[in-house]
């Protein structure tokens, strides 16, 4: 799944306010999926 955000500040707010709670909900599926987080910067839009 990929997400887009309008600003780095919005992404930081997600990290600060929501990310940990959402990760905790995935504990019941431990060992059944792989997750990784990568921030990408748009270089050029066409």
Protein backbone atom coordinates (compact mmCIF):
# COMPACT_ATOMS: atom_id res chain seq x y z
CA UNK A 1 0.00 0.00 0.00
CA UNK A 2 1.31 3.46 -0.84
CA UNK A 3 0.11 6.66 0.74
CA UNK A 4 0.59 10.24 -0.38
CA UNK A 5 0.54 13.29 1.85
CA UNK A 6 0.30 17.00 1.26
CA UNK A 7 3.33 17.88 3.39
CA UNK A 8 6.14 16.59 5.57
CA UNK A 9 4.37 18.18 8.55
CA UNK A 10 1.28 16.04 7.95
CA UNK A 11 3.44 12.93 7.77
CA UNK A 12 5.17 13.87 11.01
CA UNK A 13 1.81 14.40 12.69
CA UNK A 14 0.81 10.88 11.60
CA UNK A 15 4.03 9.49 13.10
CA UNK A 16 3.47 11.38 16.35
CA UNK A 17 -0.26 10.80 16.80
CA UNK A 18 -1.33 7.62 14.99
CA UNK A 19 1.48 5.33 13.86
CA UNK A 20 2.14 3.56 17.15
CA UNK A 21 -1.55 2.87 17.75
CA UNK A 22 -1.97 1.37 14.29
CA UNK A 23 1.17 -0.77 14.65
CA UNK A 24 -0.10 -2.11 17.97
CA UNK A 25 -3.26 -3.33 16.24
CA UNK A 26 -1.13 -5.49 13.95
CA UNK A 27 0.37 -7.45 16.88
CA UNK A 28 -2.25 -10.18 16.54
CA UNK A 29 -0.90 -10.91 13.04
CA UNK A 30 2.75 -11.13 14.13
CA UNK A 31 4.80 -13.40 11.88
CA UNK A 32 2.14 -13.46 9.17
CA UNK A 33 3.16 -10.41 7.17
CA UNK A 34 6.08 -8.13 6.44
CA UNK A 35 5.91 -4.36 6.69
CA UNK A 36 8.47 -1.74 5.86
CA UNK A 37 8.29 2.01 5.78
CA UNK A 38 10.05 4.16 3.22
CA UNK A 39 9.69 7.86 2.58
CA UNK A 40 10.11 8.87 -1.04
CA UNK A 41 10.48 12.33 -2.46
CA UNK A 42 8.83 13.28 -5.75
CA UNK A 43 11.51 14.36 -8.20
CA UNK A 44 9.39 15.12 -11.23
CA UNK A 45 5.67 14.99 -11.98
CA UNK A 46 4.52 14.54 -15.54
